[in-house]
Protein backbone atom coordinates (compact mmCIF):
# COMPACT_ATOMS: atom_id res chain seq x y z
CA MET A 1 0.00 0.00 0.00
CA ARG A 2 2.86 2.36 0.83
CA ILE A 3 4.38 2.01 -2.64
CA LEU A 4 1.03 2.85 -4.24
CA ILE A 5 0.76 6.03 -2.16
CA ARG A 6 4.29 7.02 -3.15
CA LEU A 7 3.47 6.38 -6.82
CA VAL A 8 0.37 8.59 -6.61
CA LEU A 9 2.36 11.35 -4.88
CA SER A 10 5.15 11.11 -7.46
CA THR A 11 2.65 11.23 -10.31
CA LEU A 12 0.97 14.29 -8.80
CA ALA A 13 4.37 15.95 -8.42
CA VAL A 14 5.21 15.23 -12.07
CA LEU A 15 1.84 16.50 -13.33
CA VAL A 16 1.87 19.66 -11.19
CA SER A 17 5.47 20.43 -12.16
CA ALA A 18 4.67 19.98 -15.85
CA LYS A 19 1.58 22.18 -15.51
CA LEU A 20 3.52 24.99 -13.84
CA LEU A 21 6.48 24.99 -16.25
CA ASN A 22 5.97 26.10 -19.85
CA GLY A 23 8.97 24.15 -21.15
CA VAL A 24 7.78 20.75 -19.91
CA HIS A 25 4.99 18.95 -21.73
CA ILE A 26 3.02 15.81 -20.80
CA ASP A 27 0.35 14.54 -23.20
CA GLU A 28 -1.83 12.53 -20.81
CA TRP A 29 -2.04 11.72 -17.14
CA THR A 30 -1.11 8.11 -17.92
CA THR A 31 2.15 9.43 -19.34
CA GLY A 32 2.65 11.16 -15.98
CA ILE A 33 2.38 7.79 -14.25
CA ILE A 34 4.96 6.27 -16.59
CA VAL A 35 7.29 9.27 -16.11
CA ALA A 36 6.95 8.95 -12.32
CA ILE A 37 7.78 5.23 -12.45
CA VAL A 38 10.78 5.69 -14.75
CA LEU A 39 12.09 8.65 -12.73
CA GLY A 40 11.70 6.63 -9.54
CA LEU A 41 13.60 3.68 -10.98
CA LEU A 42 16.40 5.85 -12.38
CA ASN A 43 16.69 7.79 -9.12
CA THR A 44 16.85 4.52 -7.18
CA PHE A 45 19.37 2.63 -9.30
CA ILE A 46 21.28 4.97 -11.64
CA ARG A 47 21.51 8.25 -9.67
CA PRO A 48 23.60 6.81 -6.80
CA LEU A 49 26.09 5.36 -9.31
CA LEU A 50 26.34 8.68 -11.13
CA ILE A 51 26.92 10.51 -7.87
CA LEU A 52 29.61 7.99 -6.92
CA PHE A 53 31.38 8.27 -10.29
CA THR A 54 31.27 12.08 -10.22
CA LEU A 55 32.18 12.42 -6.55
CA PRO A 56 35.29 14.59 -7.13
CA VAL A 57 33.34 17.06 -9.28
CA THR A 58 30.45 17.00 -6.82
CA LEU A 59 32.78 17.78 -3.92
CA LEU A 60 34.54 20.57 -5.84
CA SER A 61 31.20 22.14 -6.74
CA LEU A 62 29.98 21.78 -3.15
CA GLY A 63 27.21 19.43 -4.25
CA LEU A 64 25.82 21.60 -7.04
CA PHE A 65 26.78 19.01 -9.66
CA ILE A 66 23.98 16.84 -8.29
CA LEU A 67 21.58 19.33 -9.89
CA VAL A 68 23.24 18.61 -13.25
CA ILE A 69 22.81 14.88 -12.63
CA ASN A 70 19.11 15.39 -11.82
CA ALA A 71 18.58 17.45 -14.98
CA GLY A 72 20.40 14.79 -17.00
CA ILE A 73 18.11 12.09 -15.65
CA VAL A 74 15.06 14.18 -16.60
CA MET A 75 16.48 14.65 -20.11
CA LEU A 76 17.07 10.89 -20.33
CA VAL A 77 13.43 10.26 -19.43
CA ASP A 78 12.50 12.82 -22.10
CA ARG A 79 14.28 10.67 -24.70
CA TRP A 80 12.69 7.41 -23.50
CA ILE A 81 9.04 8.37 -22.92
CA ALA A 82 7.04 9.35 -26.02
CA GLY A 83 4.42 11.69 -24.47
CA PHE A 84 6.89 13.58 -22.26
CA SER A 85 9.09 16.38 -23.58
CA VAL A 86 11.42 18.94 -22.06
CA ASP A 87 12.54 21.95 -24.11
CA GLY A 88 16.14 21.97 -22.89
CA PHE A 89 18.62 21.58 -20.06
CA TRP A 90 17.38 24.58 -18.07
CA TRP A 91 13.78 23.39 -18.25
CA ALA A 92 14.94 19.94 -17.12
CA LEU A 93 16.75 21.56 -14.19
CA ALA A 94 13.67 23.63 -13.32
CA PHE A 95 11.48 20.51 -13.60
CA SER A 96 13.70 18.52 -11.25
CA LEU A 97 13.70 21.35 -8.70
CA MET A 98 9.96 21.90 -9.01
CA GLN A 99 9.23 18.17 -8.73
CA TRP A 100 11.45 17.95 -5.66
CA ALA A 101 9.58 20.84 -4.01
CA VAL A 102 6.08 19.60 -4.89
CA GLN A 103 6.87 16.03 -3.90
CA GLY A 104 8.35 17.22 -0.61
CA PHE A 105 5.20 19.22 0.09
CA LEU A 106 2.96 16.26 -0.74
CA ASN A 107 5.07 13.89 1.36
CA ALA A 108 4.84 16.32 4.27
CA LEU A 109 1.05 16.34 3.95
CA GLU A 110 0.97 12.55 3.82
CA GLY A 111 3.33 12.31 6.80
CA GLY A 112 1.21 14.76 8.76
CA GLU A 113 -1.83 12.53 8.32
CA LYS A 114 0.09 9.52 9.68
CA LYS A 115 1.29 11.45 12.71
CA ARG A 116 -2.27 12.55 13.49
CA GLU A 117 -3.53 8.98 13.15
CA GLN A 118 -0.79 7.69 15.46
CA ALA A 119 -1.58 10.36 18.06
CA GLU A 120 -5.22 9.27 18.30
């Protein structure tokens, strides 16, 4: 059940981020689900390896290179998923930041509900 809730929250974050940014386009909400799944898989398996391989650059940039890695992952998803398009690197960077913020907000709301349920 927990993974289904996380999938719904990730999909909402993708759809809201795409709606707010003019340079990011999603054809249908089902494409948003696929984008959320692919982003989740890439962030789980590929992102840690990329961070490990680019550790010297990440340390020299004080962690800012991770933003480049995130934008690169979004651009990779853009190439793989047919109904999802990003107009360039800067839009991919903005999308990754926006998705991070929206998903954090949604996770905080979901976590707040659990804490209230546990208190009762």
